[in-house]
N, C-alpha and C. Protein backbone atom coordinates (compact mmCIF):
# COMPACT_ATOMS: atom_id res chain seq x y z
N MET A 1 100.95 116.92 108.38
CA MET A 1 99.95 115.97 107.53
C MET A 1 98.75 116.16 107.93
N ALA A 2 98.68 116.84 109.55
CA ALA A 2 97.36 117.40 109.87
C ALA A 2 96.67 118.23 109.33
N GLU A 3 97.31 119.21 109.18
CA GLU A 3 96.98 120.42 107.88
C GLU A 3 96.40 119.82 106.76
N LEU A 4 97.20 119.10 106.14
CA LEU A 4 96.83 118.26 104.95
C LEU A 4 95.50 117.68 105.07
N LYS A 5 95.22 117.47 106.25
CA LYS A 5 93.88 116.48 106.34
C LYS A 5 92.67 117.74 106.94
N VAL A 6 93.30 118.57 107.20
CA VAL A 6 92.12 119.76 107.19
C VAL A 6 91.57 119.97 106.02
N VAL A 7 92.52 120.46 105.54
CA VAL A 7 92.27 121.30 104.13
C VAL A 7 91.66 120.33 103.50
N LEU A 8 91.46 118.59 102.98
CA LEU A 8 90.83 118.12 102.30
C LEU A 8 90.28 117.69 103.14
N ALA A 9 88.95 117.84 103.92
CA ALA A 9 88.31 117.73 104.73
C ALA A 9 87.13 119.12 104.55
N ARG A 10 88.09 120.30 104.23
CA ARG A 10 87.10 121.54 103.97
C ARG A 10 86.76 121.26 102.18
N LEU A 11 87.88 121.04 101.78
CA LEU A 11 87.46 120.82 100.24
C LEU A 11 86.43 120.33 99.72
N LEU A 12 86.26 118.35 100.64
CA LEU A 12 85.38 117.47 100.48
C LEU A 12 83.89 117.72 100.90
N SER A 13 84.59 118.84 101.97
CA SER A 13 82.35 119.36 102.81
C SER A 13 82.10 120.43 101.63
N LYS A 14 82.56 121.23 100.83
CA LYS A 14 82.29 122.43 100.15
C LYS A 14 82.30 122.43 98.79
N PHE A 15 82.73 121.17 98.10
CA PHE A 15 82.78 121.04 97.10
C PHE A 15 82.37 119.79 96.14
N ALA A 16 81.78 119.41 95.54
CA ALA A 16 81.55 118.12 94.57
C ALA A 16 82.21 117.92 93.29
N PHE A 17 82.95 117.25 93.24
CA PHE A 17 84.40 116.35 92.22
C PHE A 17 83.56 115.47 91.56
N SER A 18 84.08 116.14 90.09
CA SER A 18 83.84 114.70 89.31
C SER A 18 85.10 114.66 87.67
N ARG A 19 85.51 113.89 87.94
CA ARG A 19 86.62 113.72 86.64
C ARG A 19 85.88 114.11 85.48
N SER A 20 86.78 114.91 84.66
CA SER A 20 86.52 115.85 83.43
C SER A 20 86.60 114.71 82.11
N LEU A 21 85.74 115.22 81.23
CA LEU A 21 85.09 114.08 80.42
C LEU A 21 86.59 114.50 79.52
N ARG A 22 87.49 114.52 79.47
CA ARG A 22 88.39 115.00 78.41
C ARG A 22 89.47 114.23 79.17
N TYR A 23 89.58 113.35 80.21
CA TYR A 23 90.52 113.03 80.90
C TYR A 23 90.78 111.57 80.44
N HIS A 24 91.81 111.02 80.29
CA HIS A 24 92.29 109.92 79.71
C HIS A 24 93.67 109.55 80.68
N HIS A 25 93.29 108.26 81.43
CA HIS A 25 94.29 107.66 82.67
C HIS A 25 95.53 107.01 82.16
N SER A 26 96.04 107.93 82.27
CA SER A 26 97.70 107.29 81.91
C SER A 26 98.59 107.47 83.65
N ALA A 27 98.50 106.16 83.97
CA ALA A 27 99.49 105.60 84.89
C ALA A 27 101.14 105.83 85.21
N ALA A 28 101.34 106.74 85.95
CA ALA A 28 103.17 107.02 86.18
C ALA A 28 103.36 105.93 87.77
N PHE A 29 104.22 105.00 87.33
CA PHE A 29 104.80 104.17 87.95
C PHE A 29 105.88 104.66 88.71
N ARG A 30 106.05 105.66 90.13
CA ARG A 30 106.83 106.19 90.58
C ARG A 30 106.97 105.48 91.75
N LEU A 31 107.41 106.37 93.07
CA LEU A 31 107.40 105.92 94.45
C LEU A 31 105.54 105.31 94.45
N THR A 32 105.00 106.17 94.14
CA THR A 32 103.38 105.57 94.46
C THR A 32 102.86 105.40 92.93
N ILE A 33 101.71 104.98 92.96
CA ILE A 33 101.08 104.97 91.28
C ILE A 33 100.42 106.68 91.53
N GLU A 34 100.66 107.01 90.25
CA GLU A 34 99.68 108.36 89.92
C GLU A 34 99.75 108.94 88.84
N PRO A 35 98.84 109.94 88.39
CA PRO A 35 98.23 110.17 86.65
C PRO A 35 99.48 110.50 86.47
N GLY A 36 99.54 110.49 84.97
CA GLY A 36 101.17 110.66 84.22
C GLY A 36 101.22 112.26 84.01
N PHE A 37 100.06 112.87 84.09
CA PHE A 37 99.69 114.27 83.37
C PHE A 37 98.59 115.13 84.32
N GLY A 38 98.75 114.40 85.26
CA GLY A 38 97.80 115.38 86.26
C GLY A 38 96.44 114.65 86.39
N LEU A 39 95.70 115.00 87.24
CA LEU A 39 94.48 114.87 87.52
C LEU A 39 93.25 116.15 87.16
N THR A 40 92.52 116.06 85.85
CA THR A 40 92.21 117.48 86.02
C THR A 40 90.40 116.91 86.55
N LEU A 41 89.83 117.86 87.25
CA LEU A 41 88.68 117.77 88.08
C LEU A 41 88.00 119.36 87.45
N MET A 42 86.41 118.53 87.48
CA MET A 42 85.82 119.30 87.53
C MET A 42 84.94 119.98 89.07
N THR A 43 84.57 120.80 89.56
CA THR A 43 83.91 121.22 90.94
C THR A 43 83.00 121.89 90.78
N ASN A 44 82.37 121.89 91.81
CA ASN A 44 80.90 122.50 92.01
C ASN A 44 80.89 122.44 93.49
N LYS A 45 80.08 124.12 93.77
CA LYS A 45 80.16 123.88 95.41
C LYS A 45 79.03 123.08 95.49
N ALA A 46 78.95 122.07 96.95
CA ALA A 46 78.21 121.77 97.21
C ALA A 46 77.12 121.93 97.83
N ASP A 47 76.03 121.42 97.46
CA ASP A 47 74.58 121.77 98.19
C ASP A 47 73.78 121.11 98.85
N ALA A 48 72.74 121.41 99.44
CA ALA A 48 72.12 119.77 100.05
C ALA A 48 71.34 119.11 99.11
N ASP A 49 71.63 119.09 98.58
CA ASP A 49 71.13 117.79 97.14
C ASP A 49 72.17 116.81 97.13
N SER A 50 72.71 117.57 96.79
CA SER A 50 74.42 116.74 96.17
C SER A 50 75.23 116.07 98.03
N CYS A 51 74.34 116.05 98.73
CA CYS A 51 74.93 115.48 99.88
C CYS A 51 74.25 114.42 100.42
N ILE A 52 72.83 113.90 99.39
CA ILE A 52 72.22 113.03 99.71
C ILE A 52 72.64 111.49 99.01
N VAL A 53 72.47 111.25 99.84
CA VAL A 53 73.16 108.86 99.27
C VAL A 53 72.31 108.87 98.17
N GLY A 54 73.05 108.53 96.86
CA GLY A 54 72.09 108.15 95.99
C GLY A 54 71.68 109.27 94.50
N ALA A 55 71.66 110.57 95.42
CA ALA A 55 71.48 111.39 94.21
C ALA A 55 72.21 111.53 93.34
N SER A 56 71.88 111.84 92.22
CA SER A 56 73.62 112.02 91.23
C SER A 56 72.56 112.58 89.72
N ALA A 57 73.27 113.19 89.09
CA ALA A 57 73.07 113.60 87.95
C ALA A 57 74.03 113.32 86.77
N SER A 58 73.10 113.11 85.08
CA SER A 58 73.83 113.14 84.31
C SER A 58 75.75 113.27 84.21
N ARG A 59 75.56 112.83 83.39
CA ARG A 59 77.31 113.85 82.98
C ARG A 59 76.88 115.04 81.71
N ALA A 60 76.20 114.78 81.61
CA ALA A 60 76.22 116.09 80.22
C ALA A 60 75.34 117.20 81.48
N ASP A 61 74.77 116.89 82.38
CA ASP A 61 73.80 117.64 83.43
C ASP A 61 75.31 118.16 84.17
N ALA A 62 75.81 117.39 84.41
CA ALA A 62 77.13 117.91 85.26
C ALA A 62 78.18 118.44 85.00
N ALA A 63 78.72 118.36 83.73
CA ALA A 63 79.63 119.27 82.91
C ALA A 63 78.82 120.45 82.54
N ASN A 64 77.58 121.00 82.09
CA ASN A 64 76.89 121.89 82.07
C ASN A 64 76.88 122.82 83.15
N GLN A 65 76.93 122.17 84.29
CA GLN A 65 76.80 123.15 85.52
C GLN A 65 77.93 123.14 85.90
N SER A 66 78.68 122.28 85.81
CA SER A 66 80.72 122.80 85.63
C SER A 66 81.09 123.83 85.68
N ILE A 67 80.41 124.06 83.92
CA ILE A 67 80.90 125.35 82.82
C ILE A 67 80.07 126.28 83.69
N HIS A 68 78.96 126.26 83.91
CA HIS A 68 78.33 127.80 83.67
C HIS A 68 78.37 128.21 85.59
N HIS A 69 78.52 127.35 86.29
CA HIS A 69 78.23 127.88 87.94
C HIS A 69 79.35 127.11 88.57
N GLY A 70 80.59 126.36 88.28
CA GLY A 70 81.24 125.81 88.98
C GLY A 70 82.32 126.35 88.71
N LEU A 71 83.37 125.69 89.18
CA LEU A 71 84.82 125.94 89.16
C LEU A 71 85.41 125.13 88.36
N ARG A 72 86.66 125.45 87.46
CA ARG A 72 87.56 124.56 86.97
C ARG A 72 88.64 124.11 88.34
N MET A 73 89.52 123.26 87.68
CA MET A 73 91.06 123.46 88.69
C MET A 73 91.51 122.08 88.42
N ALA A 74 93.08 122.11 88.27
CA ALA A 74 93.86 120.98 88.26
C ALA A 74 94.22 120.70 88.78
N LEU A 75 94.61 119.41 89.61
CA LEU A 75 95.25 119.21 90.82
C LEU A 75 96.33 118.33 90.39
N LEU A 76 97.57 119.46 90.79
CA LEU A 76 98.58 118.79 90.57
C LEU A 76 99.41 117.84 91.64
N VAL A 77 100.31 116.85 91.47
CA VAL A 77 101.06 116.11 92.48
C VAL A 77 101.69 117.26 92.98
N ALA A 78 101.55 117.69 93.88
CA ALA A 78 103.04 118.47 94.58
C ALA A 78 104.42 117.90 95.42
N GLN A 79 105.21 118.69 95.06
CA GLN A 79 106.85 118.06 95.53
C GLN A 79 106.87 117.82 97.42
N SER A 80 105.78 118.66 97.85
CA SER A 80 105.89 118.85 99.41
C SER A 80 104.68 119.14 99.84
N ARG A 81 104.89 118.59 101.18
CA ARG A 81 103.12 118.95 101.80
C ARG A 81 103.17 120.33 101.70
N ASN A 82 103.77 120.84 102.08
CA ASN A 82 103.78 122.82 101.99
C ASN A 82 103.35 122.80 101.25
N ALA A 83 103.71 122.93 100.07
CA ALA A 83 103.57 123.11 98.38
C ALA A 83 101.87 122.79 97.96
N THR A 84 101.51 121.71 99.01
CA THR A 84 100.05 121.08 98.61
C THR A 84 99.30 122.14 99.67
N VAL A 85 99.41 122.23 100.29
CA VAL A 85 98.69 123.31 101.56
C VAL A 85 98.15 124.81 100.74
N ARG A 86 99.68 125.46 100.54
CA ARG A 86 99.32 126.60 100.07
C ARG A 86 98.71 126.47 98.25
N ALA A 87 98.72 125.61 97.95
CA ALA A 87 98.51 125.59 96.60
C ALA A 87 96.57 125.04 97.24
N LEU A 88 96.20 124.57 98.02
CA LEU A 88 95.21 124.39 97.94
C LEU A 88 94.15 125.64 98.99
N THR A 89 95.14 125.73 99.63
CA THR A 89 94.20 126.87 100.75
C THR A 89 93.76 127.79 100.21
N HIS A 90 94.15 128.53 99.05
CA HIS A 90 93.73 129.68 97.94
C HIS A 90 92.28 129.39 97.26
N LEU A 91 91.76 128.23 97.90
CA LEU A 91 90.25 127.90 97.87
C LEU A 91 89.58 128.62 98.72
N PHE A 92 89.81 129.10 99.70
CA PHE A 92 88.90 129.33 100.84
C PHE A 92 89.25 130.77 101.49
C-alpha cells in the first residue's frame, strides 16, 4: 500500500488531470463502485501556474493543450496492487 501511495503522490505532483470530454459515466457496482468501462483522463505536465489555487482554463483550452502538449492515458482498474504499481511507474 505504501508503494501505491508514493506512485500516486508522484503522479499528482507532476501531472494535472482532467476527465476526457468523451467520458460518459457508467458505474459498475462490484465490491466497490468503479467506472464500468474505465476512466479516460487527459493529462498535462504540471507547471507553476497549475499549482495556484483557483487557476483554471476553459475546457476547450485544456483539451487543445492536452492534444498538442500533453499525454493521454487510460487508467484501468487493476486486479492487484503490484499490477497497478507496474502500470503507473512507466511514467517516471
